[in-house]
């Protein structure tokens, strides 16, 4: 793919950035040059627009707040996923305990019947029973059945012991899972408080801006995203990326595309709203592949590929802490759920610092 094609893509992404406020964190982006100072006189300090340097500081602060919220969201989602697995395990263990208790009761009944049968024989030794028997053949037949009965009783007692041991183990396992469940509930609650705190702080910071300042801040965000995307394209990376989407990848892209315009909501997995990893995990679930719920686990567990080898449908993981993820759709673009207050959108793949690429259907 030549320089002219890269320019076309750069222009296309520029248009996207111009109509969409890209809200993903961007602390690594270079600051755009400040606009020329206005010559219009001002009469009140309260109405004076904040200098570009101040708005750039606001942008960086917002990025930091929403990034921290994203990290906490991953922790919340991980705890939620673990809690769901532990709850399912507890339910499964409870069923085993109920079934085991029924089996134990049945074994006890059978052991009791065997004991009563032995009591009815009087507990006489074999020699005495032979002397009291009318015919030796009757005794021998009875003795053979007695030996079989003794063996069965021994096996019965052994099974009863094993069942009791199984029940004790199930109980210990259930207790351990319950403790983990409680621990994850605490992690989830802590993460939720942190998310809400960071989002509230970001909203408060934005609310303090005047209308004109908000518009200028949006421009700064767009410029930062466009500058990062252009720099990424200028490396010639699209000349190397020529992979074709797999059948499953196409299905994942189709699903994600249908979600464009829906709002971001932390912890959400659709269908009305999504967070970043909720979108990617559900997109791939629709394609028939179950992947980890969080961006960090997607980075840890899924097969990694070089950026130059990625193909549409792959997931791009962002930031050193793997706190954001997007679905690559080709031609240097991604679909992602940016952050609170923003909608699922098409954006440039290079608008955020790329940690790496993973392939769910490797």
Protein backbone atom coordinates (compact mmCIF):
# COMPACT_ATOMS: atom_id res chain seq x y z
CA UNK A 1 0.00 0.00 0.00
CA UNK A 2 1.61 3.28 -1.06
CA UNK A 3 1.93 6.71 0.44
CA UNK A 4 -1.16 7.97 -1.42
CA UNK A 5 -3.33 5.29 0.12
CA UNK A 6 -2.00 6.11 3.58
CA UNK A 7 -2.94 9.72 2.94
CA UNK A 8 -6.47 8.68 2.03
CA UNK A 9 -6.75 6.77 5.29
CA UNK A 10 -5.33 9.69 7.22
CA UNK A 11 -7.95 11.99 5.69
CA UNK A 12 -10.71 9.45 6.39
CA UNK A 13 -9.74 9.18 10.01
CA UNK A 14 -9.46 12.94 10.22
CA UNK A 15 -13.10 13.19 9.17
CA UNK A 16 -14.07 10.64 11.80
CA UNK A 17 -12.15 12.55 14.46
CA UNK A 18 -13.79 15.80 13.36
CA UNK A 19 -17.31 14.51 13.90
CA UNK A 20 -16.61 12.27 16.88
CA UNK A 21 -15.06 13.36 20.16
CA UNK A 22 -12.60 10.58 20.86
CA UNK A 23 -12.68 10.01 24.59
CA UNK A 24 -10.14 7.29 25.19
CA UNK A 25 -7.26 8.23 27.53
CA UNK A 26 -4.30 9.77 25.75
CA UNK A 27 -1.66 10.74 28.25
CA UNK A 28 1.06 9.79 25.82
CA UNK A 29 -0.11 12.15 23.10
CA UNK A 30 1.94 15.21 22.35
CA UNK A 31 0.26 18.49 23.11
CA UNK A 32 -0.98 20.35 20.02
CA UNK A 33 0.30 23.83 19.39
CA UNK A 34 -1.79 26.45 21.19
CA UNK A 35 -3.96 28.67 18.99
CA UNK A 36 -3.04 32.32 18.52
CA UNK A 37 -4.17 34.50 21.41
CA UNK A 38 -7.37 36.44 20.88
CA UNK A 39 -7.20 40.20 20.57
CA UNK A 40 -10.76 40.66 21.85
CA UNK A 41 -10.84 42.62 25.10
CA UNK A 42 -12.12 41.00 28.26
CA UNK A 43 -13.80 42.82 31.12
CA UNK A 44 -14.30 40.07 33.69
CA UNK A 45 -11.80 37.43 34.92
CA UNK A 46 -14.68 34.97 35.35
CA UNK A 47 -15.51 35.16 31.63
CA UNK A 48 -11.96 34.95 30.33
CA UNK A 49 -11.46 31.64 28.45
CA UNK A 50 -8.79 29.48 30.00
CA UNK A 51 -5.44 29.64 28.19
CA UNK A 52 -4.63 26.71 25.92
CA UNK A 53 -1.96 25.53 28.34
CA UNK A 54 -4.58 25.37 31.11
CA UNK A 55 -7.00 23.48 28.87
CA UNK A 56 -4.23 21.10 27.92
CA UNK A 57 -3.68 20.45 31.63
CA UNK A 58 -7.43 19.86 31.97
CA UNK A 59 -7.31 17.41 29.06
CA UNK A 60 -4.44 15.51 30.63
CA UNK A 61 -6.21 15.47 34.01
CA UNK A 62 -9.39 14.13 32.41
CA UNK A 63 -7.38 11.49 30.60
CA UNK A 64 -5.78 10.44 33.89
CA UNK A 65 -9.13 10.29 35.72
CA UNK A 66 -10.83 8.24 33.03
CA UNK A 67 -7.79 6.00 32.68
CA UNK A 68 -7.88 5.28 36.40
CA UNK A 69 -11.60 4.58 36.10
CA UNK A 70 -10.83 2.13 33.26
CA UNK A 71 -8.28 0.29 35.41
CA UNK A 72 -10.82 0.07 38.23
CA UNK A 73 -13.46 -1.13 35.76
CA UNK A 74 -11.19 -3.99 34.74
CA UNK A 75 -10.77 -4.90 38.41
CA UNK A 76 -14.53 -4.75 38.89
CA UNK A 77 -15.20 -6.90 35.83
CA UNK A 78 -12.57 -9.46 36.88
CA UNK A 79 -14.08 -9.71 40.35
CA UNK A 80 -17.56 -10.00 38.87
CA UNK A 81 -16.47 -12.78 36.50
CA UNK A 82 -14.73 -14.65 39.33
CA UNK A 83 -17.77 -14.26 41.59
CA UNK A 84 -20.04 -15.71 38.92
CA UNK A 85 -17.76 -18.73 38.51
CA UNK A 86 -17.55 -19.22 42.28
CA UNK A 87 -21.31 -18.95 42.64
CA UNK A 88 -21.75 -21.61 39.96
CA UNK A 89 -19.20 -23.82 41.70
CA UNK A 90 -21.01 -23.43 45.02
CA UNK A 91 -24.31 -24.42 43.39
CA UNK A 92 -22.64 -27.47 41.80
CA UNK A 93 -21.11 -28.47 45.14
CA UNK A 94 -24.45 -28.02 46.88
CA UNK A 95 -26.03 -30.44 44.40
CA UNK A 96 -23.23 -32.93 45.04
CA UNK A 97 -23.78 -32.61 48.80
CA UNK A 98 -27.52 -33.24 48.45
CA UNK A 99 -26.93 -36.25 46.18
CA UNK A 100 -24.18 -37.53 48.46
CA UNK A 101 -26.39 -37.24 51.53
CA UNK A 102 -29.12 -39.25 49.81
CA UNK A 103 -26.59 -41.89 48.87
CA UNK A 104 -25.23 -41.94 52.41
CA UNK A 105 -28.73 -42.39 53.87
CA UNK A 106 -29.37 -45.29 51.47
CA UNK A 107 -26.06 -46.92 52.35
CA UNK A 108 -26.84 -46.59 56.06
CA UNK A 109 -30.21 -48.26 55.51
CA UNK A 110 -28.58 -51.13 53.63
CA UNK A 111 -25.87 -51.50 56.28
CA UNK A 112 -28.54 -51.59 58.97
CA UNK A 113 -30.46 -54.30 57.10
CA UNK A 114 -27.28 -56.36 56.79
CA UNK A 115 -26.63 -56.00 60.51
CA UNK A 116 -30.17 -57.09 61.36
CA UNK A 117 -29.86 -60.12 59.07
CA UNK A 118 -26.65 -61.14 60.79
CA UNK A 119 -28.31 -60.73 64.18
CA UNK A 120 -31.13 -63.08 63.17
CA UNK A 121 -28.62 -65.91 62.53
CA UNK A 122 -27.67 -65.65 66.17
CA UNK A 123 -24.07 -65.08 65.40
CA UNK A 124 -23.36 -68.84 65.73
CA UNK A 125 -20.01 -70.15 64.47
CA UNK A 126 -19.97 -72.26 61.29
CA UNK A 127 -19.35 -75.53 63.23
CA UNK A 128 -22.45 -75.04 65.39
CA UNK A 129 -24.61 -74.17 62.40
CA UNK A 130 -23.37 -77.36 60.65
CA UNK A 131 -24.37 -79.49 63.62
CA UNK A 132 -27.83 -77.88 63.80
CA UNK A 133 -28.44 -78.16 60.09
CA UNK A 134 -30.63 -81.00 58.81
CA UNK A 135 -28.33 -81.69 55.88
CA UNK A 136 -24.76 -80.66 55.15
CA UNK A 137 -25.71 -79.53 51.66
CA UNK A 138 -28.19 -77.02 53.06
CA UNK A 139 -25.56 -75.66 55.38
CA UNK A 140 -22.96 -75.40 52.63
CA UNK A 141 -25.40 -73.55 50.41
CA UNK A 142 -26.20 -71.22 53.26
CA UNK A 143 -22.53 -70.78 54.10
CA UNK A 144 -21.78 -69.80 50.51
CA UNK A 145 -24.50 -67.17 50.60
CA UNK A 146 -23.18 -65.96 53.96
CA UNK A 147 -19.69 -65.50 52.54
CA UNK A 148 -21.13 -63.52 49.63
CA UNK A 149 -23.14 -61.48 52.10
CA UNK A 150 -20.06 -60.75 54.20
CA UNK A 151 -18.18 -59.59 51.13
CA UNK A 152 -21.11 -57.40 50.08
CA UNK A 153 -21.32 -55.95 53.58
CA UNK A 154 -17.60 -55.18 53.57
CA UNK A 155 -17.98 -53.45 50.20
CA UNK A 156 -21.02 -51.60 51.50
CA UNK A 157 -19.11 -50.30 54.52
CA UNK A 158 -16.24 -49.24 52.29
CA UNK A 159 -18.59 -47.32 49.99
CA UNK A 160 -20.25 -45.73 53.00
CA UNK A 161 -16.87 -44.54 54.27
CA UNK A 162 -15.91 -43.12 50.86
CA UNK A 163 -19.24 -41.33 50.58
CA UNK A 164 -18.75 -39.75 54.00
CA UNK A 165 -15.26 -38.61 52.98
CA UNK A 166 -16.63 -37.17 49.72
CA UNK A 167 -19.27 -35.22 51.61
CA UNK A 168 -16.65 -33.77 53.94
CA UNK A 169 -14.50 -32.73 50.95
CA UNK A 170 -17.49 -31.16 49.18
CA UNK A 171 -18.23 -29.21 52.34
CA UNK A 172 -14.65 -27.95 52.60
CA UNK A 173 -14.62 -26.99 48.91
CA UNK A 174 -17.91 -25.12 49.26
CA UNK A 175 -16.57 -23.25 52.28
CA UNK A 176 -13.40 -22.27 50.37
CA UNK A 177 -15.42 -21.08 47.37
CA UNK A 178 -17.68 -19.07 49.65
CA UNK A 179 -14.68 -17.32 51.21
CA UNK A 180 -13.36 -16.48 47.73
CA UNK A 181 -16.79 -15.22 46.75
CA UNK A 182 -16.89 -12.90 49.75
CA UNK A 183 -13.36 -11.67 48.99
CA UNK A 184 -14.30 -10.89 45.38
CA UNK A 185 -17.42 -9.08 46.53
CA UNK A 186 -15.18 -6.79 48.58
CA UNK A 187 -12.83 -6.26 45.61
CA UNK A 188 -15.81 -5.45 43.42
CA UNK A 189 -17.24 -3.00 45.95
CA UNK A 190 -13.87 -1.25 46.32
CA UNK A 191 -13.46 -1.02 42.55
CA UNK A 192 -16.98 0.35 42.16
CA UNK A 193 -16.29 3.13 44.68
CA UNK A 194 -13.07 3.99 42.87
CA UNK A 195 -14.81 4.06 39.47
CA UNK A 196 -17.59 6.30 40.72
CA UNK A 197 -15.12 8.59 42.47
CA UNK A 198 -12.96 9.06 39.35
CA UNK A 199 -15.94 9.61 37.05
CA UNK A 200 -17.49 12.08 39.48
CA UNK A 201 -14.20 14.01 39.66
CA UNK A 202 -13.98 14.10 35.86
CA UNK A 203 -17.56 15.32 35.51
CA UNK A 204 -16.95 17.99 38.15
CA UNK A 205 -13.85 19.18 36.33
CA UNK A 206 -15.72 19.40 33.03
CA UNK A 207 -18.69 21.15 34.63
CA UNK A 208 -16.44 24.00 35.76
CA UNK A 209 -15.63 24.89 32.15
CA UNK A 210 -17.53 27.52 30.24
CA UNK A 211 -19.21 26.57 26.96
CA UNK A 212 -16.42 28.06 24.88
CA UNK A 213 -13.81 26.27 26.97
CA UNK A 214 -15.60 22.95 26.50
CA UNK A 215 -15.62 23.48 22.75
CA UNK A 216 -11.92 24.30 22.75
CA UNK A 217 -11.22 21.30 24.97
CA UNK A 218 -13.06 19.07 22.49
CA UNK A 219 -10.91 20.51 19.73
CA UNK A 220 -7.76 19.75 21.71
CA UNK A 221 -8.91 16.17 22.20
CA UNK A 222 -9.63 15.80 18.49
CA UNK A 223 -6.28 17.32 17.56
CA UNK A 224 -4.39 15.06 19.96
CA UNK A 225 -6.13 11.96 18.58
CA UNK A 226 -5.57 13.02 14.97
CA UNK A 227 -1.92 13.85 15.61
CA UNK A 228 -1.31 10.44 17.16
CA UNK A 229 -3.13 8.64 14.34
CA UNK A 230 -1.25 10.56 11.66
CA UNK A 231 2.08 9.79 13.32
CA UNK A 232 1.15 6.11 13.43
CA UNK A 233 0.17 6.06 9.75
CA UNK A 234 3.31 7.95 8.78
CA UNK A 235 5.42 5.05 10.04
CA UNK A 236 4.20 3.16 6.97
CA UNK A 237 2.56 0.50 9.11
CA UNK A 238 -0.34 0.08 6.66
CA UNK A 239 2.14 -0.94 3.99
CA UNK A 240 2.84 -4.03 6.10
CA UNK A 241 -0.66 -4.82 7.35
CA UNK A 242 -2.48 -6.78 4.68
CA UNK A 243 -4.16 -9.62 6.59
CA UNK A 244 -7.68 -10.70 5.69
CA UNK A 245 -10.40 -11.24 8.28
CA UNK A 246 -11.32 -14.81 9.15
CA UNK A 247 -14.95 -15.95 8.93
CA UNK A 248 -15.28 -15.51 12.68
CA UNK A 249 -13.51 -12.17 12.54
CA UNK A 250 -16.05 -10.91 10.02
CA UNK A 251 -18.89 -11.93 12.34
CA UNK A 252 -17.25 -10.11 15.27
CA UNK A 253 -16.85 -6.96 13.14
CA UNK A 254 -20.46 -7.15 11.98
CA UNK A 255 -21.63 -7.36 15.60
CA UNK A 256 -19.42 -4.47 16.76
CA UNK A 257 -20.47 -2.30 13.82
CA UNK A 258 -24.13 -2.76 14.78
CA UNK A 259 -23.35 -1.36 18.25
CA UNK A 260 -21.93 1.96 16.98
CA UNK A 261 -23.76 4.85 18.61
CA UNK A 262 -24.67 2.95 21.78
CA UNK A 263 -23.36 4.45 25.03
CA UNK A 264 -20.38 3.41 27.09
CA UNK A 265 -21.28 2.12 30.54
CA UNK A 266 -18.71 0.63 32.87
CA UNK A 267 -19.35 -3.03 33.65
CA UNK A 268 -21.88 -3.34 30.81
CA UNK A 269 -21.96 -6.21 28.31
CA UNK A 270 -24.89 -5.09 26.16
CA UNK A 271 -27.19 -5.05 24.50
CA UNK A 272 -28.03 -1.45 25.41
CA UNK A 273 -24.55 -0.34 26.49
CA UNK A 274 -20.98 -1.65 26.77
CA UNK A 275 -17.62 -0.95 28.29
CA UNK A 276 -14.54 -1.55 26.14
CA UNK A 277 -13.96 -5.22 26.94
CA UNK A 278 -17.68 -5.88 27.21
CA UNK A 279 -17.94 -4.89 23.54
CA UNK A 280 -15.01 -7.03 22.36
CA UNK A 281 -15.98 -10.10 24.39
CA UNK A 282 -19.59 -9.96 23.20
CA UNK A 283 -18.52 -9.35 19.59
CA UNK A 284 -16.45 -12.51 19.66
CA UNK A 285 -19.11 -14.43 21.56
CA UNK A 286 -21.47 -13.64 18.68
CA UNK A 287 -18.85 -15.18 16.38
CA UNK A 288 -18.85 -18.39 18.41
CA UNK A 289 -15.72 -17.85 20.50
CA UNK A 290 -15.71 -17.17 24.23
CA UNK A 291 -12.84 -14.95 25.36
CA UNK A 292 -11.92 -13.46 28.76
CA UNK A 293 -14.13 -10.65 30.01
CA UNK A 294 -11.46 -8.03 30.77
CA UNK A 295 -8.91 -6.31 28.56
CA UNK A 296 -6.09 -7.37 30.89
CA UNK A 297 -7.08 -11.03 30.74
CA UNK A 298 -7.58 -10.79 26.98
CA UNK A 299 -4.00 -9.59 26.78
CA UNK A 300 -2.74 -12.34 29.10
CA UNK A 301 -4.64 -15.30 27.70
CA UNK A 302 -5.19 -14.75 23.98
CA UNK A 303 -2.65 -15.50 21.25
CA UNK A 304 -0.43 -12.52 20.50
CA UNK A 305 0.51 -11.37 17.02
CA UNK A 306 2.77 -8.59 15.78
CA UNK A 307 1.06 -5.34 14.82
CA UNK A 308 2.26 -5.78 11.23
CA UNK A 309 0.59 -9.19 11.12
CA UNK A 310 -2.78 -8.18 12.52
CA UNK A 311 -5.94 -8.68 10.54
CA UNK A 312 -9.50 -7.34 10.86
CA UNK A 313 -11.21 -8.93 13.85
CA UNK A 314 -8.07 -8.95 15.99
CA UNK A 315 -8.08 -7.03 19.27
CA UNK A 316 -5.70 -4.14 19.89
CA UNK A 317 -4.71 -3.73 23.53
CA UNK A 318 -3.77 -0.23 24.66
CA UNK A 319 -1.57 1.31 27.39
CA UNK A 320 1.13 -0.39 29.42
CA UNK A 321 -1.42 -1.72 31.90
CA UNK A 322 -3.68 -3.19 29.18
CA UNK A 323 -6.55 -1.04 30.45
CA UNK A 324 -8.26 -0.53 27.08
CA UNK A 325 -9.14 -2.76 24.14
CA UNK A 326 -10.65 -2.22 20.70
CA UNK A 327 -11.64 -4.32 17.69
CA UNK A 328 -9.51 -3.74 14.61
CA UNK A 329 -11.69 -3.44 11.50
CA UNK A 330 -9.03 -2.80 8.86
CA UNK A 331 -7.59 0.20 7.01
CA UNK A 332 -6.06 1.55 10.21
CA UNK A 333 -9.40 1.86 12.04
CA UNK A 334 -10.96 0.38 15.17
CA UNK A 335 -14.38 0.17 16.77
CA UNK A 336 -14.34 0.72 20.52
CA UNK A 337 -16.28 1.93 23.53
CA UNK A 338 -14.15 4.93 24.58
CA UNK A 339 -15.13 5.94 28.12
CA UNK A 340 -18.01 7.25 30.27
CA UNK A 341 -20.04 9.94 28.53
CA UNK A 342 -19.11 8.75 25.05
CA UNK A 343 -20.66 6.38 22.53
CA UNK A 344 -19.25 3.37 20.73
CA UNK A 345 -17.48 4.75 17.70
CA UNK A 346 -15.10 4.26 14.79
CA UNK A 347 -11.65 5.70 15.46
CA UNK A 348 -8.06 5.53 14.31
CA UNK A 349 -6.12 2.52 15.60
CA UNK A 350 -3.13 4.72 16.41
CA UNK A 351 -4.97 7.31 18.51
CA UNK A 352 -3.80 5.62 21.73
CA UNK A 353 -0.50 3.97 22.71
CA UNK A 354 -0.62 0.37 21.45
CA UNK A 355 0.59 -2.32 23.83
CA UNK A 356 0.02 -5.20 21.43
CA UNK A 357 -2.42 -7.25 19.40
CA UNK A 358 -4.20 -10.51 20.27
CA UNK A 359 -6.13 -12.94 18.09
CA UNK A 360 -9.15 -14.71 19.60
CA UNK A 361 -9.40 -17.35 16.85
CA UNK A 362 -5.73 -18.17 16.47
